[in-house]
Protein backbone atom coordinates (compact mmCIF):
# COMPACT_ATOMS: atom_id res chain seq x y z
CA UNK A 1 2.03 -19.19 16.22
CA UNK A 2 2.77 -16.59 13.38
CA UNK A 3 4.05 -12.97 13.55
CA UNK A 4 2.43 -12.07 10.28
CA UNK A 5 0.89 -8.85 9.97
CA UNK A 6 -1.67 -7.35 7.56
CA UNK A 7 -1.12 -3.77 6.50
CA UNK A 8 -4.29 -2.22 5.46
CA UNK A 9 -4.25 1.20 3.68
CA UNK A 10 -7.34 2.76 2.41
CA UNK A 11 -7.00 5.90 0.28
CA UNK A 12 -8.49 8.15 -2.50
CA UNK A 13 -7.24 8.86 -5.74
CA UNK A 14 -7.97 12.09 -7.47
CA UNK A 15 -10.53 11.40 -10.27
CA UNK A 16 -8.56 12.81 -13.03
CA UNK A 17 -5.72 10.46 -12.19
CA UNK A 18 -7.66 6.95 -11.72
CA UNK A 19 -6.80 5.41 -15.05
CA UNK A 20 -3.22 6.59 -15.07
CA UNK A 21 -2.81 5.36 -11.51
CA UNK A 22 -4.27 1.99 -12.09
CA UNK A 23 -2.46 1.36 -15.36
CA UNK A 24 0.99 2.74 -14.52
CA UNK A 25 1.64 4.12 -11.16
CA UNK A 26 0.12 1.23 -9.00
CA UNK A 27 1.78 -1.69 -10.77
CA UNK A 28 5.12 0.16 -10.63
CA UNK A 29 4.69 0.91 -6.97
CA UNK A 30 3.61 -2.71 -6.13
CA UNK A 31 6.73 -3.86 -8.13
CA UNK A 32 8.92 -1.74 -5.66
CA UNK A 33 7.10 -2.97 -2.41
CA UNK A 34 7.42 -6.61 -3.85
CA UNK A 35 11.10 -6.29 -3.80
CA UNK A 36 11.31 -5.39 -0.01
CA UNK A 37 12.36 -8.05 2.42
CA UNK A 38 9.42 -9.71 4.38
CA UNK A 39 6.73 -8.96 1.78
CA UNK A 40 4.36 -12.05 1.37
CA UNK A 41 1.44 -10.71 -0.62
CA UNK A 42 -0.03 -7.39 -2.07
CA UNK A 43 -3.50 -7.13 -3.21
CA UNK A 44 -5.24 -3.79 -4.18
CA UNK A 45 -9.27 -3.51 -4.22
CA UNK A 46 -11.43 -0.85 -5.45
CA UNK A 47 -14.76 0.30 -3.89
CA UNK A 48 -17.73 -0.97 -5.65
CA UNK A 49 -19.51 2.31 -4.69
CA UNK A 50 -16.63 5.07 -5.27
CA UNK A 51 -14.23 4.65 -8.13
CA UNK A 52 -11.62 6.59 -6.37
CA UNK A 53 -11.59 4.69 -3.12
CA UNK A 54 -8.88 1.85 -2.94
CA UNK A 55 -7.79 -0.51 -0.34
CA UNK A 56 -4.15 -2.08 -0.35
CA UNK A 57 -3.89 -5.44 1.63
CA UNK A 58 -0.25 -6.09 2.09
CA UNK A 59 0.88 -9.12 4.14
CA UNK A 60 4.27 -8.98 5.92
CA UNK A 61 6.37 -11.77 7.54
CA UNK A 62 6.38 -9.45 10.78
CA UNK A 63 5.87 -6.05 11.97
CA UNK A 64 9.55 -5.04 11.89
CA UNK A 65 9.49 -5.87 8.10
CA UNK A 66 6.45 -3.73 7.41
CA UNK A 67 7.71 -0.77 9.44
CA UNK A 68 11.16 -0.93 7.75
CA UNK A 69 9.46 -1.06 4.31
CA UNK A 70 7.30 2.03 5.44
CA UNK A 71 10.26 3.94 6.05
CA UNK A 72 11.84 3.14 2.81
CA UNK A 73 8.86 4.09 0.94
CA UNK A 74 8.74 7.35 2.62
CA UNK A 75 12.15 8.24 1.18
CA UNK A 76 11.71 6.52 -2.17
CA UNK A 77 8.39 8.02 -3.05
CA UNK A 78 9.94 11.51 -2.78
CA UNK A 79 11.92 10.75 -5.78
CA UNK A 80 11.08 12.17 -9.26
CA UNK A 81 10.49 8.55 -10.30
CA UNK A 82 7.44 8.19 -8.12
CA UNK A 83 6.22 11.80 -8.20
CA UNK A 84 3.27 10.91 -10.42
CA UNK A 85 2.37 8.32 -7.83
CA UNK A 86 2.09 10.86 -5.00
CA UNK A 87 0.45 13.41 -7.32
CA UNK A 88 -2.40 10.99 -7.88
CA UNK A 89 -3.42 10.80 -4.20
CA UNK A 90 -6.47 12.78 -2.88
CA UNK A 91 -5.88 11.49 0.74
CA UNK A 92 -5.09 8.44 2.83
CA UNK A 93 -8.03 7.43 5.14
CA UNK A 94 -6.42 4.71 7.14
CA UNK A 95 -2.96 3.20 7.42
CA UNK A 96 -2.66 0.40 10.06
CA UNK A 97 -1.00 -2.77 10.75
CA UNK A 98 -3.01 -5.70 12.11
CA UNK A 99 -2.05 -8.97 13.70
CA UNK A 100 -4.25 -12.14 14.25
CA UNK A 101 -6.40 -12.40 17.39
CA UNK A 102 -4.73 -14.91 19.97
CA UNK A 103 -6.77 -16.80 22.21
CA UNK A 104 -5.65 -17.95 25.76
């Protein structure tokens, strides 16, 4: 049995920041998150219908790792180094952690 969780984040980027976000801010943020203990994979997808809508799919070894990383990100993203990253966001639509369904 696995304790892995999938973090799903659906968000919108301001239209004037889409290119900058994808070329600069997202890769930098992904490198940061990839350095955290328990991070197994990180994929970002974009809506086929709405260029500004993105989804991050981040797999963690367990919920504790995911929650610890989320707390670290809250602090780190307030730094000047990540101000452009936050500035690009229009809104976060969904941020949840999911685990596999188990059958009895």
